[in-house]
C-alpha atoms as a PDB file:
ATOM      1  CA  MET A   1       0.000   0.000   0.000  1.00  0.00           C
ATOM      2  CA  LYS A   2       1.432   3.346  -1.078  1.00  0.00           C
ATOM      3  CA  LYS A   3      -1.404   5.832  -0.510  1.00  0.00           C
ATOM      4  CA  LEU A   4      -3.891   6.340   2.318  1.00  0.00           C
ATOM      5  CA  GLN A   5      -6.581   6.642  -0.348  1.00  0.00           C
ATOM      6  CA  GLU A   6      -6.191   2.871  -0.775  1.00  0.00           C
ATOM      7  CA  LEU A   7      -7.771   2.421   2.676  1.00  0.00           C
ATOM      8  CA  ILE A   8     -10.904   4.046   1.282  1.00  0.00           C
ATOM      9  CA  ASP A   9     -10.704   2.076  -1.957  1.00  0.00           C
ATOM     10  CA  ARG A  10     -10.610  -1.210  -0.013  1.00  0.00           C
ATOM     11  CA  LEU A  11     -14.024  -0.422   1.479  1.00  0.00           C
ATOM     12  CA  GLN A  12     -15.769   0.037  -1.861  1.00  0.00           C
ATOM     13  CA  GLY A  13     -18.301  -2.672  -2.575  1.00  0.00           C
ATOM     14  CA  GLN A  14     -18.452  -3.806   1.059  1.00  0.00           C
ATOM     15  CA  PRO A  15     -21.588  -3.451   3.212  1.00  0.00           C
ATOM     16  CA  PRO A  16     -21.155  -0.155   5.091  1.00  0.00           C
ATOM     17  CA  LYS A  17     -20.438  -0.418   8.792  1.00  0.00           C
ATOM     18  CA  ARG A  18     -21.855   1.981  11.333  1.00  0.00           C
ATOM     19  CA  VAL A  19     -19.835   4.564  13.224  1.00  0.00           C
ATOM     20  CA  ALA A  20     -21.010   6.021  16.551  1.00  0.00           C
ATOM     21  CA  ILE A  21     -19.693   9.541  17.080  1.00  0.00           C
ATOM     22  CA  ALA A  22     -19.501  10.909  20.620  1.00  0.00           C
ATOM     23  CA  GLN A  23     -20.724  14.530  20.785  1.00  0.00           C
ATOM     24  CA  ALA A  24     -20.827  14.936  17.012  1.00  0.00           C
ATOM     25  CA  ALA A  25     -21.132  18.736  17.021  1.00  0.00           C
ATOM     26  CA  ASP A  26     -17.737  19.230  15.405  1.00  0.00           C
ATOM     27  CA  GLU A  27     -17.497  20.839  11.965  1.00  0.00           C
ATOM     28  CA  GLU A  28     -14.346  19.006  10.816  1.00  0.00           C
ATOM     29  CA  VAL A  29     -15.699  15.654  12.008  1.00  0.00           C
ATOM     30  CA  LEU A  30     -18.947  16.256  10.130  1.00  0.00           C
ATOM     31  CA  LYS A  31     -17.029  17.241   7.003  1.00  0.00           C
ATOM     32  CA  ALA A  32     -15.419  13.809   7.187  1.00  0.00           C
ATOM     33  CA  VAL A  33     -18.865  12.278   7.754  1.00  0.00           C
ATOM     34  CA  LYS A  34     -20.128  14.052   4.638  1.00  0.00           C
ATOM     35  CA  LYS A  35     -17.296  12.719   2.499  1.00  0.00           C
ATOM     36  CA  ALA A  36     -17.740   9.213   3.884  1.00  0.00           C
ATOM     37  CA  SER A  37     -21.504   9.155   3.451  1.00  0.00           C
ATOM     38  CA  ASP A  38     -21.271  10.624  -0.070  1.00  0.00           C
ATOM     39  CA  ILE A  39     -19.282   7.584  -1.214  1.00  0.00           C
ATOM     40  CA  GLY A  40     -21.178   5.040   0.890  1.00  0.00           C
ATOM     41  CA  MET A  41     -18.171   4.290   3.086  1.00  0.00           C
ATOM     42  CA  ALA A  42     -20.162   4.067   6.327  1.00  0.00           C
ATOM     43  CA  THR A  43     -23.377   4.991   8.098  1.00  0.00           C
ATOM     44  CA  PHE A  44     -23.404   7.126  11.224  1.00  0.00           C
ATOM     45  CA  LEU A  45     -25.003   7.488  14.633  1.00  0.00           C
ATOM     46  CA  LEU A  46     -24.470  11.036  15.883  1.00  0.00           C
ATOM     47  CA  THR A  47     -24.808  11.482  19.634  1.00  0.00           C
ATOM     48  CA  GLY A  48     -24.952  14.735  21.593  1.00  0.00           C
ATOM     49  CA  ASP A  49     -26.861  17.990  21.705  1.00  0.00           C
ATOM     50  CA  VAL A  50     -29.159  18.050  18.677  1.00  0.00           C
ATOM     51  CA  GLU A  51     -29.112  21.803  18.071  1.00  0.00           C
ATOM     52  CA  SER A  52     -25.329  21.939  18.288  1.00  0.00           C
ATOM     53  CA  ILE A  53     -25.068  19.040  15.837  1.00  0.00           C
ATOM     54  CA  LYS A  54     -27.442  20.814  13.427  1.00  0.00           C
ATOM     55  CA  GLN A  55     -25.380  23.994  13.580  1.00  0.00           C
ATOM     56  CA  ALA A  56     -22.128  22.144  12.920  1.00  0.00           C
ATOM     57  CA  ALA A  57     -23.762  20.140  10.126  1.00  0.00           C
ATOM     58  CA  HIS A  58     -24.935  23.350   8.454  1.00  0.00           C
ATOM     59  CA  LYS A  59     -21.350  24.673   8.439  1.00  0.00           C
ATOM     60  CA  ALA A  60     -20.105  21.322   7.106  1.00  0.00           C
ATOM     61  CA  GLU A  61     -22.845  21.282   4.429  1.00  0.00           C
ATOM     62  CA  LEU A  62     -23.983  17.895   5.697  1.00  0.00           C
ATOM     63  CA  ASP A  63     -27.566  16.759   5.044  1.00  0.00           C
ATOM     64  CA  LEU A  64     -28.784  15.234   8.298  1.00  0.00           C
ATOM     65  CA  THR A  65     -31.986  13.882   6.723  1.00  0.00           C
ATOM     66  CA  GLN A  66     -30.234  11.257   4.584  1.00  0.00           C
ATOM     67  CA  PRO A  67     -30.843   7.580   5.496  1.00  0.00           C
ATOM     68  CA  ALA A  68     -27.170   7.011   6.341  1.00  0.00           C
ATOM     69  CA  ILE A  69     -27.356   9.321   9.359  1.00  0.00           C
ATOM     70  CA  THR A  70     -29.209   8.971  12.652  1.00  0.00           C
ATOM     71  CA  ILE A  71     -29.115  11.454  15.523  1.00  0.00           C
ATOM     72  CA  GLU A  72     -29.523  10.378  19.133  1.00  0.00           C
ATOM     73  CA  GLY A  73     -29.964  13.481  21.219  1.00  0.00           C
ATOM     74  CA  CYS A  74     -28.549  13.613  24.744  1.00  0.00           C
ATOM     75  CA  GLU A  75     -26.678  15.841  27.141  1.00  0.00           C
ATOM     76  CA  ALA A  76     -23.049  16.402  26.152  1.00  0.00           C
ATOM     77  CA  ALA A  77     -21.908  14.537  29.267  1.00  0.00           C
ATOM     78  CA  GLU A  78     -23.782  11.413  28.139  1.00  0.00           C
ATOM     79  CA  ALA A  79     -22.604  11.422  24.513  1.00  0.00           C
ATOM     80  CA  SER A  80     -19.513   9.274  25.069  1.00  0.00           C
ATOM     81  CA  SER A  81     -21.349   6.556  26.978  1.00  0.00           C
ATOM     82  CA  LYS A  82     -24.153   6.465  24.388  1.00  0.00           C
ATOM     83  CA  ALA A  83     -21.680   6.084  21.530  1.00  0.00           C
ATOM     84  CA  VAL A  84     -19.781   3.338  23.354  1.00  0.00           C
ATOM     85  CA  LYS A  85     -22.979   1.504  24.307  1.00  0.00           C
ATOM     86  CA  ALA A  86     -24.053   1.525  20.653  1.00  0.00           C
ATOM     87  CA  VAL A  87     -20.890  -0.366  19.747  1.00  0.00           C
ATOM     88  CA  LYS A  88     -21.139  -2.648  22.772  1.00  0.00           C
ATOM     89  CA  SER A  89     -24.648  -3.671  21.716  1.00  0.00           C
ATOM     90  CA  GLY A  90     -23.611  -4.286  18.116  1.00  0.00           C
ATOM     91  CA  ASP A  91     -25.606  -1.336  16.793  1.00  0.00           C
ATOM     92  CA  ALA A  92     -22.333   0.209  15.554  1.00  0.00           C
ATOM     93  CA  GLN A  93     -18.847  -1.132  14.851  1.00  0.00           C
ATOM     94  CA  VAL A  94     -16.564   1.872  15.404  1.00  0.00           C
ATOM     95  CA  VAL A  95     -16.412   4.631  18.035  1.00  0.00           C
ATOM     96  CA  MET A  96     -15.299   8.071  16.877  1.00  0.00           C
ATOM     97  CA  LYS A  97     -14.442  11.100  18.977  1.00  0.00           C
ATOM     98  CA  GLY A  98     -16.356  14.282  18.233  1.00  0.00           C
ATOM     99  CA  LYS A  99     -16.326  17.492  20.259  1.00  0.00           C
ATOM    100  CA  VAL A 100     -15.568  15.733  23.514  1.00  0.00           C
ATOM    101  CA  ASP A 101     -12.385  15.536  25.552  1.00  0.00           C
ATOM    102  CA  THR A 102     -10.317  12.379  25.291  1.00  0.00           C
ATOM    103  CA  LYS A 103     -10.551  11.645  29.010  1.00  0.00           C
ATOM    104  CA  SER A 104     -14.348  11.447  28.907  1.00  0.00           C
ATOM    105  CA  LEU A 105     -14.397   9.151  25.898  1.00  0.00           C
ATOM    106  CA  LEU A 106     -11.771   6.795  27.284  1.00  0.00           C
ATOM    107  CA  LYS A 107     -13.598   6.675  30.614  1.00  0.00           C
ATOM    108  CA  ALA A 108     -16.651   5.366  28.766  1.00  0.00           C
ATOM    109  CA  VAL A 109     -14.547   2.925  26.741  1.00  0.00           C
ATOM    110  CA  LEU A 110     -12.920   1.515  29.884  1.00  0.00           C
ATOM    111  CA  ASN A 111     -16.147   1.240  31.882  1.00  0.00           C
ATOM    112  CA  LYS A 112     -16.205  -2.286  33.344  1.00  0.00           C
ATOM    113  CA  GLU A 113     -19.928  -2.836  32.795  1.00  0.00           C
ATOM    114  CA  ASN A 114     -20.776  -1.117  29.525  1.00  0.00           C
ATOM    115  CA  GLY A 115     -17.397  -0.287  28.024  1.00  0.00           C
ATOM    116  CA  LEU A 116     -15.175  -1.853  25.376  1.00  0.00           C
ATOM    117  CA  ARG A 117     -12.242  -2.822  27.567  1.00  0.00           C
ATOM    118  CA  GLY A 118     -10.135  -5.515  25.892  1.00  0.00           C
ATOM    119  CA  ARG A 119      -7.832  -8.059  27.480  1.00  0.00           C
ATOM    120  CA  GLY A 120      -4.628  -6.098  26.879  1.00  0.00           C
ATOM    121  CA  VAL A 121      -3.536  -2.481  26.793  1.00  0.00           C
ATOM    122  CA  LEU A 122      -4.936   0.174  24.514  1.00  0.00           C
ATOM    123  CA  SER A 123      -2.393   1.664  22.144  1.00  0.00           C
ATOM    124  CA  HIS A 124      -2.232   4.285  19.424  1.00  0.00           C
ATOM    125  CA  VAL A 125      -1.474   3.057  15.910  1.00  0.00           C
ATOM    126  CA  ALA A 126      -0.740   5.651  13.226  1.00  0.00           C
ATOM    127  CA  LEU A 127      -0.267   5.047   9.511  1.00  0.00           C
ATOM    128  CA  PHE A 128       1.689   7.648   7.529  1.00  0.00           C
ATOM    129  CA  GLU A 129       1.872   8.575   3.885  1.00  0.00           C
ATOM    130  CA  ILE A 130       5.183  10.434   3.668  1.00  0.00           C
ATOM    131  CA  PRO A 131       6.131  12.346   0.500  1.00  0.00           C
ATOM    132  CA  HIS A 132       8.840  10.711  -1.618  1.00  0.00           C
ATOM    133  CA  GLN A 133       8.559   7.418   0.261  1.00  0.00           C
ATOM    134  CA  GLU A 134       7.574   4.313  -1.669  1.00  0.00           C
ATOM    135  CA  ARG A 135       5.370   2.807   1.029  1.00  0.00           C
ATOM    136  CA  LEU A 136       3.117   3.639   3.953  1.00  0.00           C
ATOM    137  CA  ILE A 137       4.589   3.125   7.399  1.00  0.00           C
ATOM    138  CA  PHE A 138       3.022   2.501  10.826  1.00  0.00           C
ATOM    139  CA  LEU A 139       4.160   4.168  14.050  1.00  0.00           C
ATOM    140  CA  THR A 140       3.276   3.125  17.600  1.00  0.00           C
ATOM    141  CA  ASP A 141       2.702   4.282  20.376  1.00  0.00           C
ATOM    142  CA  SER A 142       2.666   8.082  20.325  1.00  0.00           C
ATOM    143  CA  ALA A 143      -0.393   8.820  22.454  1.00  0.00           C
ATOM    144  CA  MET A 144      -1.418   6.220  25.040  1.00  0.00           C
ATOM    145  CA  ASN A 145       1.380   4.434  26.914  1.00  0.00           C
ATOM    146  CA  ILE A 146       3.928   6.682  28.583  1.00  0.00           C
ATOM    147  CA  ALA A 147       6.778   4.298  29.408  1.00  0.00           C
ATOM    148  CA  PRO A 148       5.597   0.809  28.470  1.00  0.00           C
ATOM    149  CA  THR A 149       7.082  -2.252  30.127  1.00  0.00           C
ATOM    150  CA  LEU A 150       8.255  -5.187  28.037  1.00  0.00           C
ATOM    151  CA  GLU A 151       4.948  -6.942  28.697  1.00  0.00           C
ATOM    152  CA  GLU A 152       3.060  -3.863  27.522  1.00  0.00           C
ATOM    153  CA  LYS A 153       5.286  -3.564  24.460  1.00  0.00           C
ATOM    154  CA  VAL A 154       4.328  -7.105  23.484  1.00  0.00           C
ATOM    155  CA  GLN A 155       0.673  -6.040  23.454  1.00  0.00           C
ATOM    156  CA  ILE A 156       1.489  -2.791  21.642  1.00  0.00           C
ATOM    157  CA  VAL A 157       3.223  -4.761  18.895  1.00  0.00           C
ATOM    158  CA  LYS A 158       0.328  -7.226  18.678  1.00  0.00           C
ATOM    159  CA  ASN A 159      -2.147  -4.350  18.426  1.00  0.00           C
ATOM    160  CA  ALA A 160      -0.202  -2.715  15.595  1.00  0.00           C
ATOM    161  CA  VAL A 161       0.277  -6.004  13.764  1.00  0.00           C
ATOM    162  CA  GLY A 162      -3.441  -6.713  14.085  1.00  0.00           C
ATOM    163  CA  VAL A 163      -4.283  -3.404  12.422  1.00  0.00           C
ATOM    164  CA  ALA A 164      -1.715  -3.934   9.670  1.00  0.00           C
ATOM    165  CA  VAL A 165      -2.867  -7.474   8.861  1.00  0.00           C
ATOM    166  CA  GLU A 166      -6.534  -6.445   8.699  1.00  0.00           C
ATOM    167  CA  CYS A 167      -5.535  -3.656   6.308  1.00  0.00           C
ATOM    168  CA  GLY A 168      -3.799  -6.019   3.923  1.00  0.00           C
ATOM    169  CA  TRP A 169      -0.212  -6.361   5.132  1.00  0.00           C
ATOM    170  CA  LYS A 170       1.043  -9.950   5.114  1.00  0.00           C
ATOM    171  CA  MET A 171       3.722 -10.638   7.730  1.00  0.00           C
ATOM    172  CA  PRO A 172       4.494  -6.969   8.447  1.00  0.00           C
ATOM    173  CA  LYS A 173       8.065  -6.198   9.439  1.00  0.00           C
ATOM    174  CA  VAL A 174       8.384  -4.617  12.887  1.00  0.00           C
ATOM    175  CA  ALA A 175      11.410  -2.550  13.912  1.00  0.00           C
ATOM    176  CA  PRO A 176      11.728  -1.829  17.656  1.00  0.00           C
ATOM    177  CA  LEU A 177      13.690   1.422  17.604  1.00  0.00           C
ATOM    178  CA  ALA A 178      16.678   2.424  19.700  1.00  0.00           C
ATOM    179  CA  ALA A 179      19.606   4.795  19.312  1.00  0.00           C
ATOM    180  CA  VAL A 180      21.951   1.968  18.313  1.00  0.00           C
ATOM    181  CA  GLU A 181      21.748  -1.422  16.629  1.00  0.00           C
ATOM    182  CA  VAL A 182      23.597  -3.391  19.283  1.00  0.00           C
ATOM    183  CA  ILE A 183      22.432  -4.550  22.701  1.00  0.00           C
ATOM    184  CA  ASN A 184      23.659  -2.239  25.447  1.00  0.00           C
ATOM    185  CA  PRO A 185      22.705  -3.069  29.055  1.00  0.00           C
ATOM    186  CA  ALA A 186      22.757   0.656  29.845  1.00  0.00           C
ATOM    187  CA  MET A 187      20.067   1.304  27.222  1.00  0.00           C
ATOM    188  CA  PRO A 188      16.759  -0.402  28.162  1.00  0.00           C
ATOM    189  CA  ALA A 189      15.332   0.159  24.675  1.00  0.00           C
ATOM    190  CA  THR A 190      17.933  -2.193  23.214  1.00  0.00           C
ATOM    191  CA  LEU A 191      17.189  -4.907  25.785  1.00  0.00           C
ATOM    192  CA  ASP A 192      13.450  -4.792  25.148  1.00  0.00           C
ATOM    193  CA  ALA A 193      14.000  -4.777  21.394  1.00  0.00           C
ATOM    194  CA  ALA A 194      16.173  -7.870  21.617  1.00  0.00           C
ATOM    195  CA  ALA A 195      13.608  -9.600  23.816  1.00  0.00           C
ATOM    196  CA  LEU A 196      10.786  -8.818  21.371  1.00  0.00           C
ATOM    197  CA  THR A 197      12.902 -10.171  18.520  1.00  0.00           C
ATOM    198  CA  GLN A 198      13.577 -13.418  20.354  1.00  0.00           C
ATOM    199  CA  MET A 199       9.929 -13.795  21.388  1.00  0.00           C
ATOM    200  CA  ASN A 200       8.950 -13.458  17.736  1.00  0.00           C
ATOM    201  CA  ARG A 201      11.458 -16.107  16.667  1.00  0.00           C
ATOM    202  CA  ARG A 202      10.111 -18.503  19.282  1.00  0.00           C
ATOM    203  CA  GLY A 203       6.521 -18.007  18.205  1.00  0.00           C
ATOM    204  CA  GLN A 204       5.348 -15.955  21.188  1.00  0.00           C
ATOM    205  CA  ILE A 205       4.500 -13.030  18.885  1.00  0.00           C
ATOM    206  CA  THR A 206       3.105 -14.171  15.546  1.00  0.00           C
ATOM    207  CA  ASN A 207       1.913 -12.890  12.157  1.00  0.00           C
ATOM    208  CA  CYS A 208       4.912 -10.584  11.796  1.00  0.00           C
ATOM    209  CA  ILE A 209       8.689 -10.396  11.570  1.00  0.00           C
ATOM    210  CA  ILE A 210      10.411  -8.497  14.384  1.00  0.00           C
ATOM    211  CA  ASP A 211      14.050  -7.492  14.285  1.00  0.00           C
ATOM    212  CA  GLY A 212      15.765  -5.036  16.584  1.00  0.00           C
ATOM    213  CA  PRO A 213      17.162  -3.008  18.028  1.00  0.00           C
ATOM    214  CA  LEU A 214      17.402  -0.793  14.961  1.00  0.00           C
ATOM    215  CA  ALA A 215      18.126   2.913  14.777  1.00  0.00           C
ATOM    216  CA  PHE A 216      15.581   4.921  12.801  1.00  0.00           C
ATOM    217  CA  ASP A 217      17.755   5.346   9.705  1.00  0.00           C
ATOM    218  CA  ASN A 218      18.502   1.634   9.494  1.00  0.00           C
ATOM    219  CA  ALA A 219      14.852   0.750   9.918  1.00  0.00           C
ATOM    220  CA  VAL A 220      13.637   2.884   7.013  1.00  0.00           C
ATOM    221  CA  SER A 221      16.642   3.150   4.654  1.00  0.00           C
ATOM    222  CA  LYS A 222      18.199   0.155   2.909  1.00  0.00           C
ATOM    223  CA  GLU A 223      21.181   2.319   2.003  1.00  0.00           C
ATOM    224  CA  ALA A 224      21.812   3.241   5.640  1.00  0.00           C
ATOM    225  CA  ALA A 225      21.476  -0.400   6.694  1.00  0.00           C
ATOM    226  CA  SER A 226      23.875  -1.485   3.966  1.00  0.00           C
ATOM    227  CA  GLN A 227      26.477   1.081   4.990  1.00  0.00           C
ATOM    228  CA  LYS A 228      26.462  -0.404   8.491  1.00  0.00           C
ATOM    229  CA  SER A 229      26.459  -3.981   7.130  1.00  0.00           C
ATOM    230  CA  ILE A 230      23.188  -4.771   8.890  1.00  0.00           C
ATOM    231  CA  SER A 231      21.634  -7.961   7.565  1.00  0.00           C
ATOM    232  CA  SER A 232      17.995  -8.105   8.564  1.00  0.00           C
ATOM    233  CA  GLU A 233      14.587  -8.639   6.992  1.00  0.00           C
ATOM    234  CA  ALA A 234      13.319  -5.511   8.729  1.00  0.00           C
ATOM    235  CA  ALA A 235      16.302  -3.249   8.090  1.00  0.00           C
ATOM    236  CA  GLY A 236      15.446  -0.654   5.475  1.00  0.00           C
ATOM    237  CA  ALA A 237      12.030  -2.247   4.984  1.00  0.00           C
ATOM    238  CA  ALA A 238      10.183  -1.795   8.279  1.00  0.00           C
ATOM    239  CA  ASP A 239       6.408  -1.592   8.040  1.00  0.00           C
ATOM    240  CA  ILE A 240       5.896  -0.833  11.743  1.00  0.00           C
ATOM    241  CA  LEU A 241       8.114   1.394  13.878  1.00  0.00           C
ATOM    242  CA  MET A 242       7.730   0.516  17.567  1.00  0.00           C
ATOM    243  CA  VAL A 243       9.105   3.324  19.722  1.00  0.00           C
ATOM    244  CA  HIS A 244      10.411   2.936  23.264  1.00  0.00           C
ATOM    245  CA  SER A 245       8.646   5.897  24.920  1.00  0.00           C
ATOM    246  CA  ILE A 246       5.721   8.217  24.308  1.00  0.00           C
ATOM    247  CA  GLU A 247       8.023  11.269  24.138  1.00  0.00           C
ATOM    248  CA  ALA A 248      10.091   9.836  21.288  1.00  0.00           C
ATOM    249  CA  ALA A 249       7.074   8.465  19.468  1.00  0.00           C
ATOM    250  CA  ASN A 250       5.117  11.711  19.794  1.00  0.00           C
ATOM    251  CA  ALA A 251       8.050  13.766  18.538  1.00  0.00           C
ATOM    252  CA  LEU A 252       8.493  11.420  15.581  1.00  0.00           C
ATOM    253  CA  TYR A 253       4.749  11.555  14.826  1.00  0.00           C
ATOM    254  CA  LYS A 254       4.723  15.357  14.752  1.00  0.00           C
ATOM    255  CA  SER A 255       8.004  15.530  12.845  1.00  0.00           C
ATOM    256  CA  PHE A 256       6.474  13.446  10.068  1.00  0.00           C
ATOM    257  CA  ILE A 257       3.535  15.862   9.859  1.00  0.00           C
ATOM    258  CA  TYR A 258       5.224  19.243  10.309  1.00  0.00           C
ATOM    259  CA  PHE A 259       8.626  18.649   8.703  1.00  0.00           C
ATOM    260  CA  ALA A 260       7.758  16.040   6.065  1.00  0.00           C
ATOM    261  CA  GLN A 261       4.156  17.181   5.361  1.00  0.00           C
ATOM    262  CA  ALA A 262       2.984  13.609   5.850  1.00  0.00           C
ATOM    263  CA  LYS A 263      -0.658  12.573   5.748  1.00  0.00           C
ATOM    264  CA  VAL A 264      -1.813  10.383   8.622  1.00  0.00           C
ATOM    265  CA  ALA A 265      -4.531   7.998   9.697  1.00  0.00           C
ATOM    266  CA  ALA A 266      -4.714   6.819  13.302  1.00  0.00           C
ATOM    267  CA  VAL A 267      -6.734   4.488  15.483  1.00  0.00           C
ATOM    268  CA  ILE A 268      -6.742   3.247  19.071  1.00  0.00           C
ATOM    269  CA  SER A 269      -6.341  -0.529  19.078  1.00  0.00           C
ATOM    270  CA  GLY A 270      -6.708  -3.065  21.862  1.00  0.00           C
ATOM    271  CA  ALA A 271     -10.356  -2.474  22.756  1.00  0.00           C
ATOM    272  CA  GLU A 272     -13.262  -4.640  21.616  1.00  0.00           C
ATOM    273  CA  ALA A 273     -13.726  -2.267  18.674  1.00  0.00           C
ATOM    274  CA  PRO A 274     -11.595   0.382  16.951  1.00  0.00           C
ATOM    275  CA  ILE A 275     -11.625   3.898  18.362  1.00  0.00           C
ATOM    276  CA  VAL A 276     -11.016   6.946  16.175  1.00  0.00           C
ATOM    277  CA  LEU A 277      -9.430   9.422  18.557  1.00  0.00           C
ATOM    278  CA  THR A 278      -8.256  12.261  16.350  1.00  0.00           C
ATOM    279  CA  SER A 279      -7.082  15.647  17.556  1.00  0.00           C
ATOM    280  CA  ARG A 280      -9.411  18.620  17.241  1.00  0.00           C
ATOM    281  CA  SER A 281      -6.725  20.286  15.104  1.00  0.00           C
ATOM    282  CA  ASP A 282      -6.739  17.421  12.583  1.00  0.00           C
ATOM    283  CA  SER A 283      -8.176  18.250   9.169  1.00  0.00           C
ATOM    284  CA  ALA A 284     -11.322  16.657   7.765  1.00  0.00           C
ATOM    285  CA  GLU A 285      -9.066  14.721   5.383  1.00  0.00           C
ATOM    286  CA  SER A 286      -7.067  13.240   8.262  1.00  0.00           C
ATOM    287  CA  LYS A 287     -10.266  12.339  10.116  1.00  0.00           C
ATOM    288  CA  LEU A 288     -11.581  10.631   6.959  1.00  0.00           C
ATOM    289  CA  TYR A 289      -8.395   8.579   6.587  1.00  0.00           C
ATOM    290  CA  SER A 290      -8.526   7.631  10.280  1.00  0.00           C
ATOM    291  CA  LEU A 291     -12.122   6.569   9.851  1.00  0.00           C
ATOM    292  CA  ALA A 292     -11.154   4.440   6.847  1.00  0.00           C
ATOM    293  CA  LEU A 293      -8.352   2.823   8.854  1.00  0.00           C
ATOM    294  CA  ALA A 294     -10.779   1.956  11.653  1.00  0.00           C
ATOM    295  CA  LEU A 295     -13.359   0.574   9.228  1.00  0.00           C
ATOM    296  CA  ASN A 296     -10.735  -1.636   7.609  1.00  0.00           C
ATOM    297  CA  TYR A 297      -9.674  -2.851  11.041  1.00  0.00           C
ATOM    298  CA  SER A 298     -13.168  -3.384  12.434  1.00  0.00           C
ATOM    299  CA  THR A 299     -14.025  -7.092  12.481  1.00  0.00           C
ATOM    300  CA  LYS A 300     -17.063  -6.960  14.763  1.00  0.00           C
END
C-alpha cells in the first residue's frame, strides 16, 4: 500500500459499517462524515446535543436527513457513553471522537460494565503517507502508553500487527527502535527490542517479523542499513516502527507531519472495537483517513 486513499478504496463494494460519534457537534468531524456518506463508506449514529449538531452540520454542508445518518440526542456529558454503548450492543462497529475531551471518551470505553475494555492495553497506531517514500509506514505508540514495560510492548506490537494485517499487510516487518543497533545493558530500549525479537522467533509473537534493536535510519533506509552492514529482513524495509517511549514516538509523529508534510490515519487498538481518537486540530481529510483505517480494522 502506497497511498492512504487505498484504505478508502478497499471499502468500496463492502456493506457499510456503522460509526457512533460521541458529541458529534464538530465541523471538521462532520465534514469527514459528509465525504464518507457521499461515497457510501459508512453509516453514522451522531450522539450529543441536537441543536449543536445541526449547527455544525450546516457549516459542514452535511444533510442530516439522509438515510445514512441517525441522531440520538442527549446531554453532552452522556454522549460518550451512548456512543460506546451503541458499539457494545452491536448497533455500531466503530467509536469516533467528536467534540468531547479524550478523558471522557476513554472513561466510557474503559467502563467495566458497559465499556469496550479488551484483554490487553490500549495503544495508538498511526499510519503515515510520507512524501517521496515508496510505502506507507506505521508508528506506535505516540499517544497512550507513557513508558511501556516489556509486557506492555508485546501487546502494543500485537495491536499494531493486528491493524496492519486487517488492512492487507502480510507478515508486516516490525522494527523496535533504539539509538543503536547493538544490545547495550545501559540502554533499556535495546534490551526490550532484543527480547521482542527473540519472542517473535520462538513463536510468542506471531503474524509478523520483528528485528531489533534498529536505529531509525537503518529501519527505514536500505542504504543506511547497507552502509552499516546490517543484515535483517526488517532493516530498510520496516512496516511498523515501535518506539520505546511516548516522548520519542510523539516527537516522531509530529516531525512526520510538520517537517515532512505527511498525511496520517490513526486508530486506538486493543479495545473490543476500533476507536477513532483524532485531535481537534486534525483536518477533515485526516479524520476521513482515520475513519477508513478503523473501518478496515473493524471485524465486529
